[in-house]
Amino acid sequence: MKIICIGRNYSDHAKEMNASLPTSPLFFFKPDTAILKTRDFYYPEFTNDLHYEIELVVKISKVGKHITVENAPNYYNEIGLGIDFTARDIQQECKEKGLPWEKAKAFDNSAVLSATF
């Protein structure tokens, strides 16, 4: 399984983060280890600025490419909610160096999924 995330897709949040809106989707990934499998969440020791956002989560159940809007419902089987945790201080360091964000967003237990998953 892979967790595919889309970044900067909410204009108000992009403005809040002093970031421009991308002209095409900004993708990043979270590994399986990012999924919180218990009810216990621990504040990561490597950050002093942990933020969270609620996300719409769609479980893709079928492989496909170039799927039309009309056929999209045939490719997912669950919709739920998630929480995306981000170490903002680490993310800012990555951005300043032109590095990927995974260090700030893909750490263990950084993805909380609703009961549907």
N, C-alpha and C. Protein backbone atom coordinates (compact mmCIF):
# COMPACT_ATOMS: atom_id res chain seq x y z
N MET A 1 0.85 -1.18 0.00
CA MET A 1 0.00 0.00 0.00
C MET A 1 0.89 1.24 0.00
N LYS A 2 0.42 2.27 -0.65
CA LYS A 2 1.09 3.55 -0.58
C LYS A 2 0.07 4.63 -0.31
N ILE A 3 0.48 5.63 0.39
CA ILE A 3 -0.38 6.76 0.70
C ILE A 3 0.09 7.91 -0.17
N ILE A 4 -0.77 8.31 -1.09
CA ILE A 4 -0.46 9.40 -2.02
C ILE A 4 -1.18 10.64 -1.50
N CYS A 5 -0.44 11.70 -1.30
CA CYS A 5 -1.01 12.93 -0.74
C CYS A 5 -0.85 14.07 -1.75
N ILE A 6 -1.77 15.00 -1.68
CA ILE A 6 -1.71 16.19 -2.54
C ILE A 6 -1.48 17.39 -1.64
N GLY A 7 -0.44 18.16 -1.94
CA GLY A 7 -0.10 19.32 -1.14
C GLY A 7 -0.54 20.61 -1.79
N ARG A 8 -0.73 21.63 -0.98
CA ARG A 8 -1.10 22.98 -1.40
C ARG A 8 -2.33 23.02 -2.28
N ASN A 9 -3.32 22.20 -1.98
CA ASN A 9 -4.53 22.20 -2.79
C ASN A 9 -5.64 23.04 -2.19
N TYR A 10 -5.41 23.68 -1.06
CA TYR A 10 -6.38 24.60 -0.46
C TYR A 10 -5.77 26.00 -0.48
N SER A 11 -6.38 26.90 -1.21
CA SER A 11 -5.79 28.22 -1.39
C SER A 11 -5.60 28.98 -0.08
N ASP A 12 -6.57 28.91 0.83
CA ASP A 12 -6.44 29.63 2.10
C ASP A 12 -5.25 29.12 2.91
N HIS A 13 -5.06 27.80 2.90
CA HIS A 13 -3.94 27.23 3.65
C HIS A 13 -2.60 27.61 3.01
N ALA A 14 -2.55 27.61 1.69
CA ALA A 14 -1.33 28.02 1.00
C ALA A 14 -0.97 29.46 1.36
N LYS A 15 -1.97 30.33 1.39
CA LYS A 15 -1.74 31.72 1.77
C LYS A 15 -1.23 31.81 3.21
N GLU A 16 -1.84 31.04 4.09
CA GLU A 16 -1.44 31.01 5.50
C GLU A 16 0.03 30.60 5.64
N MET A 17 0.47 29.70 4.76
CA MET A 17 1.85 29.20 4.82
C MET A 17 2.81 30.03 3.96
N ASN A 18 2.32 31.16 3.42
CA ASN A 18 3.12 32.00 2.53
C ASN A 18 3.68 31.20 1.36
N ALA A 19 2.87 30.33 0.80
CA ALA A 19 3.27 29.50 -0.33
C ALA A 19 2.38 29.79 -1.53
N SER A 20 2.96 29.68 -2.69
CA SER A 20 2.17 29.90 -3.90
C SER A 20 1.35 28.66 -4.21
N LEU A 21 0.27 28.85 -4.96
CA LEU A 21 -0.53 27.72 -5.41
C LEU A 21 0.15 27.09 -6.62
N PRO A 22 0.34 25.79 -6.62
CA PRO A 22 0.98 25.16 -7.78
C PRO A 22 0.03 25.15 -8.98
N THR A 23 0.61 25.10 -10.17
CA THR A 23 -0.22 25.04 -11.38
C THR A 23 -0.64 23.61 -11.69
N SER A 24 0.03 22.64 -11.09
CA SER A 24 -0.36 21.24 -11.21
C SER A 24 -0.24 20.62 -9.82
N PRO A 25 -0.88 19.47 -9.60
CA PRO A 25 -0.88 18.88 -8.25
C PRO A 25 0.54 18.65 -7.71
N LEU A 26 0.72 18.95 -6.45
CA LEU A 26 1.99 18.73 -5.76
C LEU A 26 1.83 17.44 -4.95
N PHE A 27 2.50 16.39 -5.36
CA PHE A 27 2.37 15.08 -4.72
C PHE A 27 3.46 14.85 -3.69
N PHE A 28 3.11 14.16 -2.61
CA PHE A 28 4.10 13.60 -1.70
C PHE A 28 3.52 12.29 -1.18
N PHE A 29 4.37 11.48 -0.60
CA PHE A 29 3.96 10.14 -0.17
C PHE A 29 4.20 9.94 1.32
N LYS A 30 3.42 9.04 1.89
CA LYS A 30 3.64 8.58 3.26
C LYS A 30 3.74 7.06 3.21
N PRO A 31 4.68 6.48 3.96
CA PRO A 31 4.80 5.02 3.97
C PRO A 31 3.76 4.39 4.88
N ASP A 32 3.64 3.07 4.81
CA ASP A 32 2.72 2.33 5.69
C ASP A 32 2.97 2.65 7.16
N THR A 33 4.22 2.85 7.53
CA THR A 33 4.56 3.11 8.94
C THR A 33 4.01 4.45 9.43
N ALA A 34 3.55 5.30 8.52
CA ALA A 34 2.96 6.58 8.92
C ALA A 34 1.56 6.38 9.52
N ILE A 35 0.93 5.26 9.22
CA ILE A 35 -0.44 5.03 9.72
C ILE A 35 -0.41 4.72 11.21
N LEU A 36 -1.17 5.48 11.97
CA LEU A 36 -1.29 5.24 13.41
C LEU A 36 -2.18 4.01 13.61
N LYS A 37 -1.61 2.96 14.14
CA LYS A 37 -2.35 1.69 14.27
C LYS A 37 -2.97 1.49 15.66
N THR A 38 -2.63 2.34 16.60
CA THR A 38 -3.22 2.28 17.93
C THR A 38 -3.92 3.61 18.20
N ARG A 39 -4.52 3.73 19.35
CA ARG A 39 -5.18 4.99 19.71
C ARG A 39 -4.20 5.97 20.35
N ASP A 40 -3.01 5.50 20.67
CA ASP A 40 -2.03 6.35 21.36
C ASP A 40 -1.15 7.10 20.36
N PHE A 41 -1.19 8.41 20.43
CA PHE A 41 -0.31 9.23 19.61
C PHE A 41 0.65 9.94 20.55
N TYR A 42 1.92 9.91 20.20
CA TYR A 42 2.94 10.57 21.00
C TYR A 42 3.56 11.71 20.20
N TYR A 43 3.70 12.85 20.85
CA TYR A 43 4.30 14.01 20.20
C TYR A 43 5.75 13.66 19.86
N PRO A 44 6.13 13.78 18.58
CA PRO A 44 7.50 13.40 18.18
C PRO A 44 8.54 14.29 18.85
N GLU A 45 9.63 13.68 19.29
CA GLU A 45 10.66 14.41 20.03
C GLU A 45 11.51 15.31 19.13
N PHE A 46 11.44 15.13 17.81
CA PHE A 46 12.32 15.87 16.90
C PHE A 46 11.72 17.20 16.42
N THR A 47 10.52 17.56 16.89
CA THR A 47 9.90 18.81 16.44
C THR A 47 9.37 19.61 17.63
N ASN A 48 9.37 20.91 17.46
CA ASN A 48 8.77 21.80 18.45
C ASN A 48 7.57 22.54 17.86
N ASP A 49 7.16 22.13 16.65
CA ASP A 49 6.09 22.85 15.96
C ASP A 49 5.25 21.87 15.14
N LEU A 50 4.48 21.05 15.83
CA LEU A 50 3.67 20.03 15.17
C LEU A 50 2.29 20.60 14.84
N HIS A 51 1.91 20.52 13.57
CA HIS A 51 0.60 20.97 13.11
C HIS A 51 -0.18 19.77 12.61
N TYR A 52 -1.48 19.95 12.49
CA TYR A 52 -2.32 18.89 11.93
C TYR A 52 -3.41 19.50 11.06
N GLU A 53 -3.84 18.69 10.09
CA GLU A 53 -4.93 19.09 9.21
C GLU A 53 -5.84 17.89 9.03
N ILE A 54 -7.12 18.15 8.92
CA ILE A 54 -8.05 17.07 8.60
C ILE A 54 -8.05 16.91 7.08
N GLU A 55 -8.13 15.68 6.64
CA GLU A 55 -8.05 15.37 5.21
C GLU A 55 -9.17 14.42 4.80
N LEU A 56 -9.58 14.54 3.56
CA LEU A 56 -10.47 13.56 2.95
C LEU A 56 -9.58 12.44 2.45
N VAL A 57 -9.92 11.20 2.79
CA VAL A 57 -9.11 10.03 2.41
C VAL A 57 -9.96 9.12 1.53
N VAL A 58 -9.40 8.74 0.40
CA VAL A 58 -10.08 7.86 -0.55
C VAL A 58 -9.22 6.62 -0.73
N LYS A 59 -9.81 5.44 -0.51
CA LYS A 59 -9.08 4.19 -0.69
C LYS A 59 -9.29 3.68 -2.11
N ILE A 60 -8.22 3.69 -2.88
CA ILE A 60 -8.27 3.22 -4.26
C ILE A 60 -8.25 1.69 -4.22
N SER A 61 -9.19 1.05 -4.91
CA SER A 61 -9.33 -0.40 -4.82
C SER A 61 -8.99 -1.12 -6.13
N LYS A 62 -8.63 -0.37 -7.15
CA LYS A 62 -8.41 -0.97 -8.45
C LYS A 62 -7.33 -0.19 -9.19
N VAL A 63 -6.48 -0.89 -9.92
CA VAL A 63 -5.43 -0.23 -10.69
C VAL A 63 -6.04 0.38 -11.94
N GLY A 64 -5.58 1.57 -12.28
CA GLY A 64 -6.08 2.22 -13.49
C GLY A 64 -5.24 3.43 -13.84
N LYS A 65 -5.34 3.87 -15.06
CA LYS A 65 -4.65 5.08 -15.52
C LYS A 65 -5.61 5.84 -16.43
N HIS A 66 -5.45 7.15 -16.44
CA HIS A 66 -6.25 8.01 -17.32
C HIS A 66 -7.75 7.72 -17.15
N ILE A 67 -8.20 7.71 -15.91
CA ILE A 67 -9.58 7.38 -15.57
C ILE A 67 -10.46 8.62 -15.75
N THR A 68 -11.56 8.47 -16.42
CA THR A 68 -12.47 9.59 -16.63
C THR A 68 -13.25 9.87 -15.35
N VAL A 69 -13.76 11.06 -15.24
CA VAL A 69 -14.56 11.44 -14.08
C VAL A 69 -15.74 10.50 -13.92
N GLU A 70 -16.36 10.13 -15.02
CA GLU A 70 -17.54 9.24 -14.98
C GLU A 70 -17.19 7.85 -14.44
N ASN A 71 -15.98 7.37 -14.71
CA ASN A 71 -15.58 6.03 -14.26
C ASN A 71 -14.88 6.02 -12.90
N ALA A 72 -14.55 7.18 -12.37
CA ALA A 72 -13.81 7.25 -11.10
C ALA A 72 -14.46 6.46 -9.97
N PRO A 73 -15.79 6.48 -9.79
CA PRO A 73 -16.38 5.72 -8.69
C PRO A 73 -16.12 4.20 -8.76
N ASN A 74 -15.75 3.69 -9.91
CA ASN A 74 -15.43 2.27 -10.04
C ASN A 74 -14.05 1.93 -9.50
N TYR A 75 -13.25 2.93 -9.13
CA TYR A 75 -11.87 2.69 -8.73
C TYR A 75 -11.60 2.93 -7.25
N TYR A 76 -12.60 3.30 -6.49
CA TYR A 76 -12.41 3.41 -5.04
C TYR A 76 -13.55 2.71 -4.34
N ASN A 77 -13.27 2.27 -3.10
CA ASN A 77 -14.32 1.55 -2.37
C ASN A 77 -14.57 2.09 -0.96
N GLU A 78 -13.78 3.04 -0.52
CA GLU A 78 -14.00 3.62 0.81
C GLU A 78 -13.61 5.09 0.79
N ILE A 79 -14.36 5.88 1.55
CA ILE A 79 -14.03 7.28 1.77
C ILE A 79 -14.09 7.51 3.27
N GLY A 80 -13.10 8.19 3.80
CA GLY A 80 -13.07 8.45 5.23
C GLY A 80 -12.38 9.77 5.51
N LEU A 81 -12.05 9.96 6.76
CA LEU A 81 -11.32 11.16 7.19
C LEU A 81 -9.97 10.76 7.74
N GLY A 82 -9.05 11.68 7.66
CA GLY A 82 -7.73 11.43 8.20
C GLY A 82 -7.18 12.69 8.83
N ILE A 83 -6.14 12.52 9.60
CA ILE A 83 -5.39 13.64 10.15
C ILE A 83 -3.98 13.52 9.62
N ASP A 84 -3.50 14.59 9.03
CA ASP A 84 -2.14 14.66 8.49
C ASP A 84 -1.31 15.52 9.44
N PHE A 85 -0.38 14.88 10.15
CA PHE A 85 0.51 15.61 11.05
C PHE A 85 1.74 16.08 10.28
N THR A 86 2.18 17.30 10.57
CA THR A 86 3.36 17.87 9.92
C THR A 86 4.24 18.56 10.96
N ALA A 87 5.51 18.24 10.92
CA ALA A 87 6.51 18.95 11.74
C ALA A 87 6.88 20.21 10.96
N ARG A 88 6.22 21.31 11.23
CA ARG A 88 6.38 22.54 10.44
C ARG A 88 7.81 23.09 10.49
N ASP A 89 8.47 22.98 11.64
CA ASP A 89 9.84 23.47 11.71
C ASP A 89 10.76 22.67 10.79
N ILE A 90 10.57 21.37 10.74
CA ILE A 90 11.36 20.51 9.86
C ILE A 90 10.98 20.78 8.40
N GLN A 91 9.70 20.95 8.14
CA GLN A 91 9.25 21.24 6.78
C GLN A 91 9.87 22.53 6.27
N GLN A 92 9.92 23.56 7.12
CA GLN A 92 10.50 24.84 6.71
C GLN A 92 11.98 24.67 6.37
N GLU A 93 12.70 23.89 7.17
CA GLU A 93 14.12 23.63 6.87
C GLU A 93 14.26 22.94 5.51
N CYS A 94 13.39 21.97 5.25
CA CYS A 94 13.43 21.25 3.96
C CYS A 94 13.15 22.20 2.81
N LYS A 95 12.13 23.03 2.97
CA LYS A 95 11.77 23.98 1.90
C LYS A 95 12.94 24.92 1.60
N GLU A 96 13.57 25.45 2.65
CA GLU A 96 14.67 26.39 2.47
C GLU A 96 15.83 25.76 1.72
N LYS A 97 16.02 24.46 1.88
CA LYS A 97 17.12 23.76 1.21
C LYS A 97 16.69 23.11 -0.10
N GLY A 98 15.41 23.29 -0.47
CA GLY A 98 14.91 22.69 -1.70
C GLY A 98 14.78 21.18 -1.63
N LEU A 99 14.60 20.67 -0.42
CA LEU A 99 14.51 19.22 -0.21
C LEU A 99 13.05 18.77 -0.15
N PRO A 100 12.80 17.47 -0.36
CA PRO A 100 11.43 16.94 -0.21
C PRO A 100 10.94 17.09 1.23
N TRP A 101 9.64 17.04 1.40
CA TRP A 101 9.02 17.25 2.72
C TRP A 101 8.87 15.99 3.54
N GLU A 102 9.16 14.82 3.00
CA GLU A 102 8.84 13.57 3.70
C GLU A 102 9.36 13.53 5.13
N LYS A 103 10.51 14.10 5.37
CA LYS A 103 11.07 14.11 6.73
C LYS A 103 10.10 14.76 7.73
N ALA A 104 9.35 15.74 7.25
CA ALA A 104 8.42 16.48 8.10
C ALA A 104 7.01 15.91 8.10
N LYS A 105 6.69 15.08 7.11
CA LYS A 105 5.31 14.62 6.95
C LYS A 105 5.13 13.10 6.98
N ALA A 106 6.19 12.33 6.78
CA ALA A 106 6.06 10.88 6.62
C ALA A 106 6.61 10.09 7.80
N PHE A 107 6.75 10.71 8.94
CA PHE A 107 7.29 10.01 10.10
C PHE A 107 6.25 9.02 10.66
N ASP A 108 6.72 8.08 11.45
CA ASP A 108 5.83 7.07 12.04
C ASP A 108 4.65 7.73 12.75
N ASN A 109 3.47 7.19 12.51
CA ASN A 109 2.22 7.62 13.15
C ASN A 109 1.76 9.02 12.74
N SER A 110 2.24 9.52 11.61
CA SER A 110 1.85 10.87 11.17
C SER A 110 0.56 10.89 10.36
N ALA A 111 -0.06 9.72 10.17
CA ALA A 111 -1.32 9.64 9.41
C ALA A 111 -2.35 8.88 10.25
N VAL A 112 -3.37 9.57 10.64
CA VAL A 112 -4.45 8.95 11.42
C VAL A 112 -5.65 8.77 10.48
N LEU A 113 -6.20 7.57 10.45
CA LEU A 113 -7.32 7.27 9.56
C LEU A 113 -8.58 6.97 10.35
N SER A 114 -9.71 7.36 9.80
CA SER A 114 -11.00 7.07 10.46
C SER A 114 -11.26 5.57 10.46
N ALA A 115 -12.25 5.16 11.20
CA ALA A 115 -12.56 3.74 11.40
C ALA A 115 -12.90 3.00 10.12
N THR A 116 -13.27 3.68 9.07
CA THR A 116 -13.63 2.99 7.82
C THR A 116 -12.46 2.22 7.23
N PHE A 117 -11.25 2.61 7.55
CA PHE A 117 -10.08 1.95 6.97
C PHE A 117 -9.63 0.89 7.89
